[in-house]
Amino acid sequence: MYSISDLAEEFGITTRTIRYYEELGLLKPARSEGGRRIYSSRDLARLKLVIRGKRFGFSLEEIKEMVLLFDEDRTGEKQLERTIEYGQEKLAAVNERICELVEIREEIERLLMDFKGRLSK
């Protein structure tokens, strides 16, 4: 069992962020008699998925859909299928952005060569 501060420290996020994820339904902590949140290893695993999803650029809605699919299908098959779909979309977007950045780099390199050539004349 983990407290909200344990999770915040573990993942380097604020307790407010964790409460927000709870509001979205991504986490479902139990409560102590005093009303304090008590997070399980399941919550820890879900939070790990949320953090990983955010790092890869997925929206919270996409992450929520992927995470909650496991509740519908305990085999994890639906979750994996949807994760693959979102992953392929994300990979295509990343590849497109890489192409754009390569073009920008090449244009900057051409301009710099031109500018250097002008200075040397």
PDB file of N, CA and C in Angstrom:
ATOM      1  N   MET A   1       0.835  -1.192   0.000  1.00  0.00           N
ATOM      2  CA  MET A   1       0.000   0.000   0.000  1.00  0.00           C
ATOM      3  C   MET A   1       0.878   1.255   0.000  1.00  0.00           C
ATOM      4  N   TYR A   2       0.399   2.246  -0.723  1.00  0.00           N
ATOM      5  CA  TYR A   2       1.175   3.467  -0.888  1.00  0.00           C
ATOM      6  C   TYR A   2       0.320   4.688  -0.551  1.00  0.00           C
ATOM      7  N   SER A   3       0.965   5.704  -0.024  1.00  0.00           N
ATOM      8  CA  SER A   3       0.283   6.974   0.202  1.00  0.00           C
ATOM      9  C   SER A   3       0.445   7.827  -1.049  1.00  0.00           C
ATOM     10  N   ILE A   4      -0.310   8.905  -1.119  1.00  0.00           N
ATOM     11  CA  ILE A   4      -0.220   9.789  -2.270  1.00  0.00           C
ATOM     12  C   ILE A   4       1.177  10.403  -2.358  1.00  0.00           C
ATOM     13  N   SER A   5       1.779  10.703  -1.215  1.00  0.00           N
ATOM     14  CA  SER A   5       3.125  11.277  -1.239  1.00  0.00           C
ATOM     15  C   SER A   5       4.161  10.242  -1.681  1.00  0.00           C
ATOM     16  N   ASP A   6       3.931   8.965  -1.354  1.00  0.00           N
ATOM     17  CA  ASP A   6       4.827   7.899  -1.834  1.00  0.00           C
ATOM     18  C   ASP A   6       4.841   7.878  -3.362  1.00  0.00           C
ATOM     19  N   LEU A   7       3.643   7.919  -3.952  1.00  0.00           N
ATOM     20  CA  LEU A   7       3.543   7.880  -5.408  1.00  0.00           C
ATOM     21  C   LEU A   7       4.134   9.136  -6.041  1.00  0.00           C
ATOM     22  N   ALA A   8       3.856  10.279  -5.438  1.00  0.00           N
ATOM     23  CA  ALA A   8       4.389  11.533  -5.975  1.00  0.00           C
ATOM     24  C   ALA A   8       5.917  11.502  -5.988  1.00  0.00           C
ATOM     25  N   GLU A   9       6.493  11.021  -4.918  1.00  0.00           N
ATOM     26  CA  GLU A   9       7.949  10.940  -4.831  1.00  0.00           C
ATOM     27  C   GLU A   9       8.501   9.899  -5.810  1.00  0.00           C
ATOM     28  N   GLU A  10       7.843   8.765  -5.892  1.00  0.00           N
ATOM     29  CA  GLU A  10       8.278   7.677  -6.779  1.00  0.00           C
ATOM     30  C   GLU A  10       8.343   8.123  -8.247  1.00  0.00           C
ATOM     31  N   PHE A  11       7.348   8.908  -8.679  1.00  0.00           N
ATOM     32  CA  PHE A  11       7.258   9.281 -10.083  1.00  0.00           C
ATOM     33  C   PHE A  11       7.682  10.720 -10.374  1.00  0.00           C
ATOM     34  N   GLY A  12       8.032  11.461  -9.341  1.00  0.00           N
ATOM     35  CA  GLY A  12       8.477  12.834  -9.543  1.00  0.00           C
ATOM     36  C   GLY A  12       7.379  13.751 -10.054  1.00  0.00           C
ATOM     37  N   ILE A  13       6.166  13.537  -9.534  1.00  0.00           N
ATOM     38  CA  ILE A  13       5.027  14.370  -9.920  1.00  0.00           C
ATOM     39  C   ILE A  13       4.389  14.933  -8.656  1.00  0.00           C
ATOM     40  N   THR A  14       3.474  15.846  -8.830  1.00  0.00           N
ATOM     41  CA  THR A  14       2.834  16.453  -7.666  1.00  0.00           C
ATOM     42  C   THR A  14       1.644  15.611  -7.195  1.00  0.00           C
ATOM     43  N   THR A  15       1.286  15.802  -5.944  1.00  0.00           N
ATOM     44  CA  THR A  15       0.108  15.117  -5.421  1.00  0.00           C
ATOM     45  C   THR A  15      -1.142  15.623  -6.138  1.00  0.00           C
ATOM     46  N   ARG A  16      -1.128  16.874  -6.579  1.00  0.00           N
ATOM     47  CA  ARG A  16      -2.263  17.426  -7.324  1.00  0.00           C
ATOM     48  C   ARG A  16      -2.456  16.670  -8.639  1.00  0.00           C
ATOM     49  N   THR A  17      -1.360  16.321  -9.290  1.00  0.00           N
ATOM     50  CA  THR A  17      -1.437  15.554 -10.535  1.00  0.00           C
ATOM     51  C   THR A  17      -2.078  14.198 -10.274  1.00  0.00           C
ATOM     52  N   ILE A  18      -1.690  13.564  -9.191  1.00  0.00           N
ATOM     53  CA  ILE A  18      -2.249  12.254  -8.846  1.00  0.00           C
ATOM     54  C   ILE A  18      -3.740  12.373  -8.564  1.00  0.00           C
ATOM     55  N   ARG A  19      -4.131  13.420  -7.838  1.00  0.00           N
ATOM     56  CA  ARG A  19      -5.559  13.624  -7.574  1.00  0.00           C
ATOM     57  C   ARG A  19      -6.323  13.886  -8.872  1.00  0.00           C
ATOM     58  N   TYR A  20      -5.696  14.593  -9.804  1.00  0.00           N
ATOM     59  CA  TYR A  20      -6.328  14.846 -11.106  1.00  0.00           C
ATOM     60  C   TYR A  20      -6.543  13.531 -11.851  1.00  0.00           C
ATOM     61  N   TYR A  21      -5.545  12.662 -11.844  1.00  0.00           N
ATOM     62  CA  TYR A  21      -5.691  11.356 -12.492  1.00  0.00           C
ATOM     63  C   TYR A  21      -6.803  10.551 -11.828  1.00  0.00           C
ATOM     64  N   GLU A  22      -6.954  10.742 -10.530  1.00  0.00           N
ATOM     65  CA  GLU A  22      -8.053  10.080  -9.816  1.00  0.00           C
ATOM     66  C   GLU A  22      -9.398  10.643 -10.290  1.00  0.00           C
ATOM     67  N   GLU A  23      -9.475  11.966 -10.439  1.00  0.00           N
ATOM     68  CA  GLU A  23     -10.705  12.598 -10.921  1.00  0.00           C
ATOM     69  C   GLU A  23     -11.092  12.068 -12.306  1.00  0.00           C
ATOM     70  N   LEU A  24     -10.108  11.788 -13.140  1.00  0.00           N
ATOM     71  CA  LEU A  24     -10.355  11.270 -14.488  1.00  0.00           C
ATOM     72  C   LEU A  24     -10.737   9.796 -14.488  1.00  0.00           C
ATOM     73  N   GLY A  25     -10.587   9.142 -13.338  1.00  0.00           N
ATOM     74  CA  GLY A  25     -10.934   7.730 -13.240  1.00  0.00           C
ATOM     75  C   GLY A  25      -9.789   6.792 -13.570  1.00  0.00           C
ATOM     76  N   LEU A  26      -8.587   7.342 -13.689  1.00  0.00           N
ATOM     77  CA  LEU A  26      -7.423   6.506 -13.990  1.00  0.00           C
ATOM     78  C   LEU A  26      -6.933   5.748 -12.757  1.00  0.00           C
ATOM     79  N   LEU A  27      -7.131   6.329 -11.600  1.00  0.00           N
ATOM     80  CA  LEU A  27      -6.731   5.703 -10.337  1.00  0.00           C
ATOM     81  C   LEU A  27      -7.946   5.619  -9.432  1.00  0.00           C
ATOM     82  N   LYS A  28      -7.999   4.546  -8.639  1.00  0.00           N
ATOM     83  CA  LYS A  28      -9.129   4.366  -7.724  1.00  0.00           C
ATOM     84  C   LYS A  28      -8.612   3.909  -6.363  1.00  0.00           C
ATOM     85  N   PRO A  29      -8.055   4.845  -5.606  1.00  0.00           N
ATOM     86  CA  PRO A  29      -7.509   4.452  -4.309  1.00  0.00           C
ATOM     87  C   PRO A  29      -8.600   4.119  -3.299  1.00  0.00           C
ATOM     88  N   ALA A  30      -8.234   3.262  -2.373  1.00  0.00           N
ATOM     89  CA  ALA A  30      -9.119   2.993  -1.240  1.00  0.00           C
ATOM     90  C   ALA A  30      -8.939   4.149  -0.258  1.00  0.00           C
ATOM     91  N   ARG A  31      -9.729   4.161   0.788  1.00  0.00           N
ATOM     92  CA  ARG A  31      -9.617   5.216   1.808  1.00  0.00           C
ATOM     93  C   ARG A  31      -9.416   4.569   3.168  1.00  0.00           C
ATOM     94  N   SER A  32      -8.577   5.213   3.964  1.00  0.00           N
ATOM     95  CA  SER A  32      -8.386   4.747   5.336  1.00  0.00           C
ATOM     96  C   SER A  32      -9.571   5.216   6.173  1.00  0.00           C
ATOM     97  N   GLU A  33      -9.636   4.788   7.412  1.00  0.00           N
ATOM     98  CA  GLU A  33     -10.729   5.231   8.295  1.00  0.00           C
ATOM     99  C   GLU A  33     -10.723   6.742   8.453  1.00  0.00           C
ATOM    100  N   GLY A  34      -9.531   7.323   8.367  1.00  0.00           N
ATOM    101  CA  GLY A  34      -9.409   8.771   8.486  1.00  0.00           C
ATOM    102  C   GLY A  34      -9.636   9.511   7.177  1.00  0.00           C
ATOM    103  N   GLY A  35      -9.937   8.772   6.101  1.00  0.00           N
ATOM    104  CA  GLY A  35     -10.223   9.391   4.816  1.00  0.00           C
ATOM    105  C   GLY A  35      -9.014   9.595   3.922  1.00  0.00           C
ATOM    106  N   ARG A  36      -7.849   9.117   4.348  1.00  0.00           N
ATOM    107  CA  ARG A  36      -6.636   9.261   3.525  1.00  0.00           C
ATOM    108  C   ARG A  36      -6.646   8.252   2.383  1.00  0.00           C
ATOM    109  N   ARG A  37      -6.116   8.672   1.273  1.00  0.00           N
ATOM    110  CA  ARG A  37      -6.022   7.786   0.107  1.00  0.00           C
ATOM    111  C   ARG A  37      -4.987   6.695   0.361  1.00  0.00           C
ATOM    112  N   ILE A  38      -5.348   5.483  -0.040  1.00  0.00           N
ATOM    113  CA  ILE A  38      -4.428   4.350   0.061  1.00  0.00           C
ATOM    114  C   ILE A  38      -4.361   3.713  -1.324  1.00  0.00           C
ATOM    115  N   TYR A  39      -3.193   3.779  -1.928  1.00  0.00           N
ATOM    116  CA  TYR A  39      -3.017   3.270  -3.288  1.00  0.00           C
ATOM    117  C   TYR A  39      -2.451   1.858  -3.261  1.00  0.00           C
ATOM    118  N   SER A  40      -2.948   1.029  -4.155  1.00  0.00           N
ATOM    119  CA  SER A  40      -2.526  -0.366  -4.245  1.00  0.00           C
ATOM    120  C   SER A  40      -1.425  -0.515  -5.297  1.00  0.00           C
ATOM    121  N   SER A  41      -0.919  -1.729  -5.417  1.00  0.00           N
ATOM    122  CA  SER A  41       0.077  -1.999  -6.457  1.00  0.00           C
ATOM    123  C   SER A  41      -0.565  -1.852  -7.839  1.00  0.00           C
ATOM    124  N   ARG A  42      -1.861  -2.095  -7.926  1.00  0.00           N
ATOM    125  CA  ARG A  42      -2.583  -1.889  -9.194  1.00  0.00           C
ATOM    126  C   ARG A  42      -2.565  -0.412  -9.574  1.00  0.00           C
ATOM    127  N   ASP A  43      -2.799   0.469  -8.588  1.00  0.00           N
ATOM    128  CA  ASP A  43      -2.734   1.905  -8.839  1.00  0.00           C
ATOM    129  C   ASP A  43      -1.319   2.309  -9.256  1.00  0.00           C
ATOM    130  N   LEU A  44      -0.339   1.734  -8.609  1.00  0.00           N
ATOM    131  CA  LEU A  44       1.055   2.011  -8.943  1.00  0.00           C
ATOM    132  C   LEU A  44       1.330   1.630 -10.401  1.00  0.00           C
ATOM    133  N   ALA A  45       0.867   0.446 -10.819  1.00  0.00           N
ATOM    134  CA  ALA A  45       1.066  -0.011 -12.199  1.00  0.00           C
ATOM    135  C   ALA A  45       0.337   0.908 -13.179  1.00  0.00           C
ATOM    136  N   ARG A  46      -0.877   1.308 -12.836  1.00  0.00           N
ATOM    137  CA  ARG A  46      -1.641   2.204 -13.711  1.00  0.00           C
ATOM    138  C   ARG A  46      -0.937   3.545 -13.845  1.00  0.00           C
ATOM    139  N   LEU A  47      -0.438   4.060 -12.732  1.00  0.00           N
ATOM    140  CA  LEU A  47       0.251   5.344 -12.769  1.00  0.00           C
ATOM    141  C   LEU A  47       1.515   5.244 -13.622  1.00  0.00           C
ATOM    142  N   LYS A  48       2.178   4.127 -13.542  1.00  0.00           N
ATOM    143  CA  LYS A  48       3.358   3.889 -14.370  1.00  0.00           C
ATOM    144  C   LYS A  48       2.972   3.947 -15.855  1.00  0.00           C
ATOM    145  N   LEU A  49       1.838   3.354 -16.207  1.00  0.00           N
ATOM    146  CA  LEU A  49       1.356   3.397 -17.590  1.00  0.00           C
ATOM    147  C   LEU A  49       0.993   4.816 -18.018  1.00  0.00           C
ATOM    148  N   VAL A  50       0.382   5.555 -17.123  1.00  0.00           N
ATOM    149  CA  VAL A  50       0.007   6.944 -17.425  1.00  0.00           C
ATOM    150  C   VAL A  50       1.255   7.775 -17.695  1.00  0.00           C
ATOM    151  N   ILE A  51       2.242   7.652 -16.824  1.00  0.00           N
ATOM    152  CA  ILE A  51       3.483   8.422 -16.970  1.00  0.00           C
ATOM    153  C   ILE A  51       4.187   8.043 -18.272  1.00  0.00           C
ATOM    154  N   ARG A  52       4.250   6.759 -18.568  1.00  0.00           N
ATOM    155  CA  ARG A  52       4.876   6.296 -19.813  1.00  0.00           C
ATOM    156  C   ARG A  52       4.110   6.831 -21.021  1.00  0.00           C
ATOM    157  N   GLY A  53       2.772   6.755 -20.960  1.00  0.00           N
ATOM    158  CA  GLY A  53       1.954   7.262 -22.059  1.00  0.00           C
ATOM    159  C   GLY A  53       2.170   8.742 -22.297  1.00  0.00           C
ATOM    160  N   LYS A  54       2.234   9.520 -21.234  1.00  0.00           N
ATOM    161  CA  LYS A  54       2.484  10.959 -21.357  1.00  0.00           C
ATOM    162  C   LYS A  54       3.851  11.208 -21.978  1.00  0.00           C
ATOM    163  N   ARG A  55       4.854  10.426 -21.571  1.00  0.00           N
ATOM    164  CA  ARG A  55       6.203  10.587 -22.108  1.00  0.00           C
ATOM    165  C   ARG A  55       6.229  10.334 -23.618  1.00  0.00           C
ATOM    166  N   PHE A  56       5.405   9.418 -24.087  1.00  0.00           N
ATOM    167  CA  PHE A  56       5.345   9.107 -25.510  1.00  0.00           C
ATOM    168  C   PHE A  56       4.406  10.028 -26.275  1.00  0.00           C
ATOM    169  N   GLY A  57       3.794  10.992 -25.578  1.00  0.00           N
ATOM    170  CA  GLY A  57       2.978  12.000 -26.242  1.00  0.00           C
ATOM    171  C   GLY A  57       1.512  11.656 -26.412  1.00  0.00           C
ATOM    172  N   PHE A  58       1.034  10.612 -25.717  1.00  0.00           N
ATOM    173  CA  PHE A  58      -0.381  10.284 -25.802  1.00  0.00           C
ATOM    174  C   PHE A  58      -1.181  11.249 -24.942  1.00  0.00           C
ATOM    175  N   SER A  59      -2.402  11.535 -25.364  1.00  0.00           N
ATOM    176  CA  SER A  59      -3.280  12.389 -24.576  1.00  0.00           C
ATOM    177  C   SER A  59      -3.811  11.585 -23.390  1.00  0.00           C
ATOM    178  N   LEU A  60      -4.312  12.289 -22.384  1.00  0.00           N
ATOM    179  CA  LEU A  60      -4.885  11.587 -21.228  1.00  0.00           C
ATOM    180  C   LEU A  60      -6.121  10.781 -21.632  1.00  0.00           C
ATOM    181  N   GLU A  61      -6.874  11.266 -22.610  1.00  0.00           N
ATOM    182  CA  GLU A  61      -8.043  10.507 -23.088  1.00  0.00           C
ATOM    183  C   GLU A  61      -7.603   9.193 -23.738  1.00  0.00           C
ATOM    184  N   GLU A  62      -6.553   9.254 -24.533  1.00  0.00           N
ATOM    185  CA  GLU A  62      -6.030   8.036 -25.157  1.00  0.00           C
ATOM    186  C   GLU A  62      -5.515   7.064 -24.096  1.00  0.00           C
ATOM    187  N   ILE A  63      -4.786   7.607 -23.142  1.00  0.00           N
ATOM    188  CA  ILE A  63      -4.237   6.779 -22.064  1.00  0.00           C
ATOM    189  C   ILE A  63      -5.361   6.143 -21.272  1.00  0.00           C
ATOM    190  N   LYS A  64      -6.369   6.940 -20.963  1.00  0.00           N
ATOM    191  CA  LYS A  64      -7.496   6.423 -20.187  1.00  0.00           C
ATOM    192  C   LYS A  64      -8.172   5.276 -20.930  1.00  0.00           C
ATOM    193  N   GLU A  65      -8.399   5.471 -22.211  1.00  0.00           N
ATOM    194  CA  GLU A  65      -9.039   4.414 -22.995  1.00  0.00           C
ATOM    195  C   GLU A  65      -8.213   3.128 -22.953  1.00  0.00           C
ATOM    196  N   MET A  66      -6.907   3.271 -23.157  1.00  0.00           N
ATOM    197  CA  MET A  66      -6.045   2.088 -23.167  1.00  0.00           C
ATOM    198  C   MET A  66      -6.014   1.400 -21.795  1.00  0.00           C
ATOM    199  N   VAL A  67      -5.901   2.185 -20.749  1.00  0.00           N
ATOM    200  CA  VAL A  67      -5.818   1.624 -19.399  1.00  0.00           C
ATOM    201  C   VAL A  67      -7.133   0.947 -18.999  1.00  0.00           C
ATOM    202  N   LEU A  68      -8.252   1.597 -19.274  1.00  0.00           N
ATOM    203  CA  LEU A  68      -9.542   1.063 -18.851  1.00  0.00           C
ATOM    204  C   LEU A  68      -9.995  -0.144 -19.664  1.00  0.00           C
ATOM    205  N   LEU A  69      -9.417  -0.337 -20.849  1.00  0.00           N
ATOM    206  CA  LEU A  69      -9.786  -1.509 -21.645  1.00  0.00           C
ATOM    207  C   LEU A  69      -9.448  -2.809 -20.922  1.00  0.00           C
ATOM    208  N   PHE A  70      -8.433  -2.775 -20.064  1.00  0.00           N
ATOM    209  CA  PHE A  70      -8.069  -3.983 -19.328  1.00  0.00           C
ATOM    210  C   PHE A  70      -9.191  -4.388 -18.375  1.00  0.00           C
ATOM    211  N   ASP A  71      -9.937  -3.413 -17.854  1.00  0.00           N
ATOM    212  CA  ASP A  71     -11.064  -3.729 -16.966  1.00  0.00           C
ATOM    213  C   ASP A  71     -12.178  -4.445 -17.727  1.00  0.00           C
ATOM    214  N   GLU A  72     -12.335  -4.108 -19.011  1.00  0.00           N
ATOM    215  CA  GLU A  72     -13.365  -4.747 -19.838  1.00  0.00           C
ATOM    216  C   GLU A  72     -12.960  -6.154 -20.268  1.00  0.00           C
ATOM    217  N   ASP A  73     -11.683  -6.329 -20.556  1.00  0.00           N
ATOM    218  CA  ASP A  73     -11.185  -7.584 -21.105  1.00  0.00           C
ATOM    219  C   ASP A  73      -9.915  -7.977 -20.355  1.00  0.00           C
ATOM    220  N   ARG A  74     -10.064  -8.849 -19.384  1.00  0.00           N
ATOM    221  CA  ARG A  74      -8.934  -9.243 -18.528  1.00  0.00           C
ATOM    222  C   ARG A  74      -7.834 -10.000 -19.259  1.00  0.00           C
ATOM    223  N   THR A  75      -8.106 -10.437 -20.496  1.00  0.00           N
ATOM    224  CA  THR A  75      -7.038 -11.097 -21.264  1.00  0.00           C
ATOM    225  C   THR A  75      -6.000 -10.070 -21.696  1.00  0.00           C
ATOM    226  N   GLY A  76      -6.410  -8.817 -21.745  1.00  0.00           N
ATOM    227  CA  GLY A  76      -5.512  -7.750 -22.172  1.00  0.00           C
ATOM    228  C   GLY A  76      -5.438  -7.598 -23.679  1.00  0.00           C
ATOM    229  N   GLU A  77      -6.177  -8.443 -24.403  1.00  0.00           N
ATOM    230  CA  GLU A  77      -6.114  -8.423 -25.867  1.00  0.00           C
ATOM    231  C   GLU A  77      -6.637  -7.113 -26.447  1.00  0.00           C
ATOM    232  N   LYS A  78      -7.806  -6.660 -25.978  1.00  0.00           N
ATOM    233  CA  LYS A  78      -8.371  -5.404 -26.477  1.00  0.00           C
ATOM    234  C   LYS A  78      -7.440  -4.233 -26.173  1.00  0.00           C
ATOM    235  N   GLN A  79      -6.868  -4.262 -24.973  1.00  0.00           N
ATOM    236  CA  GLN A  79      -5.948  -3.202 -24.574  1.00  0.00           C
ATOM    237  C   GLN A  79      -4.738  -3.170 -25.508  1.00  0.00           C
ATOM    238  N   LEU A  80      -4.199  -4.331 -25.804  1.00  0.00           N
ATOM    239  CA  LEU A  80      -3.040  -4.392 -26.695  1.00  0.00           C
ATOM    240  C   LEU A  80      -3.393  -3.946 -28.108  1.00  0.00           C
ATOM    241  N   GLU A  81      -4.555  -4.363 -28.597  1.00  0.00           N
ATOM    242  CA  GLU A  81      -4.973  -3.966 -29.941  1.00  0.00           C
ATOM    243  C   GLU A  81      -5.087  -2.445 -30.046  1.00  0.00           C
ATOM    244  N   ARG A  82      -5.731  -1.829 -29.050  1.00  0.00           N
ATOM    245  CA  ARG A  82      -5.907  -0.370 -29.076  1.00  0.00           C
ATOM    246  C   ARG A  82      -4.573   0.335 -28.899  1.00  0.00           C
ATOM    247  N   THR A  83      -3.723  -0.203 -28.050  1.00  0.00           N
ATOM    248  CA  THR A  83      -2.405   0.385 -27.831  1.00  0.00           C
ATOM    249  C   THR A  83      -1.584   0.330 -29.118  1.00  0.00           C
ATOM    250  N   ILE A  84      -1.690  -0.766 -29.845  1.00  0.00           N
ATOM    251  CA  ILE A  84      -0.990  -0.881 -31.130  1.00  0.00           C
ATOM    252  C   ILE A  84      -1.513   0.168 -32.109  1.00  0.00           C
ATOM    253  N   GLU A  85      -2.833   0.336 -32.173  1.00  0.00           N
ATOM    254  CA  GLU A  85      -3.420   1.335 -33.073  1.00  0.00           C
ATOM    255  C   GLU A  85      -2.907   2.730 -32.737  1.00  0.00           C
ATOM    256  N   TYR A  86      -3.004   3.102 -31.463  1.00  0.00           N
ATOM    257  CA  TYR A  86      -2.520   4.423 -31.044  1.00  0.00           C
ATOM    258  C   TYR A  86      -1.012   4.535 -31.271  1.00  0.00           C
ATOM    259  N   GLY A  87      -0.284   3.470 -31.008  1.00  0.00           N
ATOM    260  CA  GLY A  87       1.165   3.488 -31.193  1.00  0.00           C
ATOM    261  C   GLY A  87       1.544   3.702 -32.652  1.00  0.00           C
ATOM    262  N   GLN A  88       0.832   3.049 -33.553  1.00  0.00           N
ATOM    263  CA  GLN A  88       1.108   3.231 -34.977  1.00  0.00           C
ATOM    264  C   GLN A  88       0.815   4.666 -35.413  1.00  0.00           C
ATOM    265  N   GLU A  89      -0.276   5.225 -34.900  1.00  0.00           N
ATOM    266  CA  GLU A  89      -0.602   6.622 -35.212  1.00  0.00           C
ATOM    267  C   GLU A  89       0.480   7.554 -34.689  1.00  0.00           C
ATOM    268  N   LYS A  90       0.922   7.309 -33.456  1.00  0.00           N
ATOM    269  CA  LYS A  90       1.945   8.153 -32.843  1.00  0.00           C
ATOM    270  C   LYS A  90       3.264   8.028 -33.598  1.00  0.00           C
ATOM    271  N   LEU A  91       3.624   6.815 -33.994  1.00  0.00           N
ATOM    272  CA  LEU A  91       4.862   6.593 -34.739  1.00  0.00           C
ATOM    273  C   LEU A  91       4.825   7.315 -36.083  1.00  0.00           C
ATOM    274  N   ALA A  92       3.683   7.282 -36.760  1.00  0.00           N
ATOM    275  CA  ALA A  92       3.544   7.994 -38.035  1.00  0.00           C
ATOM    276  C   ALA A  92       3.730   9.494 -37.823  1.00  0.00           C
ATOM    277  N   ALA A  93       3.147  10.026 -36.751  1.00  0.00           N
ATOM    278  CA  ALA A  93       3.286  11.456 -36.461  1.00  0.00           C
ATOM    279  C   ALA A  93       4.738  11.811 -36.138  1.00  0.00           C
ATOM    280  N   VAL A  94       5.410  10.959 -35.390  1.00  0.00           N
ATOM    281  CA  VAL A  94       6.825  11.195 -35.046  1.00  0.00           C
ATOM    282  C   VAL A  94       7.672  11.159 -36.313  1.00  0.00           C
ATOM    283  N   ASN A  95       7.434  10.183 -37.175  1.00  0.00           N
ATOM    284  CA  ASN A  95       8.189  10.092 -38.426  1.00  0.00           C
ATOM    285  C   ASN A  95       7.965  11.310 -39.311  1.00  0.00           C
ATOM    286  N   GLU A  96       6.723  11.787 -39.351  1.00  0.00           N
ATOM    287  CA  GLU A  96       6.420  12.986 -40.127  1.00  0.00           C
ATOM    288  C   GLU A  96       7.169  14.188 -39.558  1.00  0.00           C
ATOM    289  N   ARG A  97       7.190  14.304 -38.242  1.00  0.00           N
ATOM    290  CA  ARG A  97       7.896  15.420 -37.591  1.00  0.00           C
ATOM    291  C   ARG A  97       9.400  15.330 -37.843  1.00  0.00           C
ATOM    292  N   ILE A  98       9.948  14.122 -37.846  1.00  0.00           N
ATOM    293  CA  ILE A  98      11.376  13.943 -38.123  1.00  0.00           C
ATOM    294  C   ILE A  98      11.688  14.432 -39.540  1.00  0.00           C
ATOM    295  N   CYS A  99      10.839  14.080 -40.498  1.00  0.00           N
ATOM    296  CA  CYS A  99      11.036  14.537 -41.882  1.00  0.00           C
ATOM    297  C   CYS A  99      11.005  16.061 -41.960  1.00  0.00           C
ATOM    298  N   GLU A 100      10.043  16.669 -41.260  1.00  0.00           N
ATOM    299  CA  GLU A 100       9.960  18.127 -41.232  1.00  0.00           C
ATOM    300  C   GLU A 100      11.222  18.738 -40.651  1.00  0.00           C
ATOM    301  N   LEU A 101      11.717  18.164 -39.566  1.00  0.00           N
ATOM    302  CA  LEU A 101      12.925  18.690 -38.928  1.00  0.00           C
ATOM    303  C   LEU A 101      14.161  18.521 -39.807  1.00  0.00           C
ATOM    304  N   VAL A 102      14.246  17.411 -40.520  1.00  0.00           N
ATOM    305  CA  VAL A 102      15.368  17.199 -41.442  1.00  0.00           C
ATOM    306  C   VAL A 102      15.334  18.263 -42.538  1.00  0.00           C
ATOM    307  N   GLU A 103      14.146  18.537 -43.068  1.00  0.00           N
ATOM    308  CA  GLU A 103      14.014  19.579 -44.088  1.00  0.00           C
ATOM    309  C   GLU A 103      14.426  20.939 -43.539  1.00  0.00           C
ATOM    310  N   ILE A 104      14.012  21.253 -42.329  1.00  0.00           N
ATOM    311  CA  ILE A 104      14.381  22.527 -41.707  1.00  0.00           C
ATOM    312  C   ILE A 104      15.895  22.597 -41.518  1.00  0.00           C
ATOM    313  N   ARG A 105      16.493  21.523 -41.041  1.00  0.00           N
ATOM    314  CA  ARG A 105      17.948  21.495 -40.840  1.00  0.00           C
ATOM    315  C   ARG A 105      18.673  21.720 -42.156  1.00  0.00           C
ATOM    316  N   GLU A 106      18.217  21.028 -43.212  1.00  0.00           N
ATOM    317  CA  GLU A 106      18.858  21.182 -44.518  1.00  0.00           C
ATOM    318  C   GLU A 106      18.732  22.609 -45.040  1.00  0.00           C
ATOM    319  N   GLU A 107      17.580  23.229 -44.829  1.00  0.00           N
ATOM    320  CA  GLU A 107      17.391  24.608 -45.268  1.00  0.00           C
ATOM    321  C   GLU A 107      18.303  25.556 -44.496  1.00  0.00           C
ATOM    322  N   ILE A 108      18.410  25.349 -43.200  1.00  0.00           N
ATOM    323  CA  ILE A 108      19.302  26.182 -42.383  1.00  0.00           C
ATOM    324  C   ILE A 108      20.746  26.006 -42.841  1.00  0.00           C
ATOM    325  N   GLU A 109      21.128  24.763 -43.112  1.00  0.00           N
ATOM    326  CA  GLU A 109      22.496  24.506 -43.581  1.00  0.00           C
ATOM    327  C   GLU A 109      22.764  25.217 -44.909  1.00  0.00           C
ATOM    328  N   ARG A 110      21.786  25.180 -45.841  1.00  0.00           N
ATOM    329  CA  ARG A 110      21.938  25.873 -47.124  1.00  0.00           C
ATOM    330  C   ARG A 110      22.076  27.381 -46.921  1.00  0.00           C
ATOM    331  N   LEU A 111      21.229  27.928 -46.059  1.00  0.00           N
ATOM    332  CA  LEU A 111      21.304  29.367 -45.786  1.00  0.00           C
ATOM    333  C   LEU A 111      22.646  29.744 -45.177  1.00  0.00           C
ATOM    334  N   LEU A 112      23.112  28.957 -44.236  1.00  0.00           N
ATOM    335  CA  LEU A 112      24.399  29.262 -43.609  1.00  0.00           C
ATOM    336  C   LEU A 112      25.541  29.218 -44.623  1.00  0.00           C
ATOM    337  N   MET A 113      25.506  28.216 -45.507  1.00  0.00           N
ATOM    338  CA  MET A 113      26.535  28.126 -46.551  1.00  0.00           C
ATOM    339  C   MET A 113      26.477  29.366 -47.445  1.00  0.00           C
ATOM    340  N   ASP A 114      25.261  29.768 -47.804  1.00  0.00           N
ATOM    341  CA  ASP A 114      25.077  30.960 -48.630  1.00  0.00           C
ATOM    342  C   ASP A 114      25.621  32.199 -47.928  1.00  0.00           C
ATOM    343  N   PHE A 115      25.277  32.361 -46.650  1.00  0.00           N
ATOM    344  CA  PHE A 115      25.724  33.519 -45.884  1.00  0.00           C
ATOM    345  C   PHE A 115      27.251  33.538 -45.765  1.00  0.00           C
ATOM    346  N   LYS A 116      27.822  32.376 -45.510  1.00  0.00           N
ATOM    347  CA  LYS A 116      29.289  32.291 -45.388  1.00  0.00           C
ATOM    348  C   LYS A 116      29.962  32.625 -46.720  1.00  0.00           C
ATOM    349  N   GLY A 117      29.335  32.148 -47.802  1.00  0.00           N
ATOM    350  CA  GLY A 117      29.867  32.469 -49.132  1.00  0.00           C
ATOM    351  C   GLY A 117      29.814  33.957 -49.411  1.00  0.00           C
ATOM    352  N   ARG A 118      28.761  34.613 -49.014  1.00  0.00           N
ATOM    353  CA  ARG A 118      28.640  36.077 -49.201  1.00  0.00           C
ATOM    354  C   ARG A 118      29.706  36.822 -48.422  1.00  0.00           C
ATOM    355  N   LEU A 119      29.981  36.340 -47.201  1.00  0.00           N
ATOM    356  CA  LEU A 119      30.993  37.007 -46.375  1.00  0.00           C
ATOM    357  C   LEU A 119      32.395  36.854 -46.954  1.00  0.00           C
ATOM    358  N   SER A 120      32.656  35.734 -47.561  1.00  0.00           N
ATOM    359  CA  SER A 120      34.006  35.486 -48.068  1.00  0.00           C
ATOM    360  C   SER A 120      34.293  36.233 -49.372  1.00  0.00           C
ATOM    361  N   LYS A 121      33.232  36.788 -50.036  1.00  0.00           N
ATOM    362  CA  LYS A 121      33.414  37.525 -51.293  1.00  0.00           C
ATOM    363  C   LYS A 121      33.826  38.931 -51.073  1.00  0.00           C
TER     364      LYS A 121
END
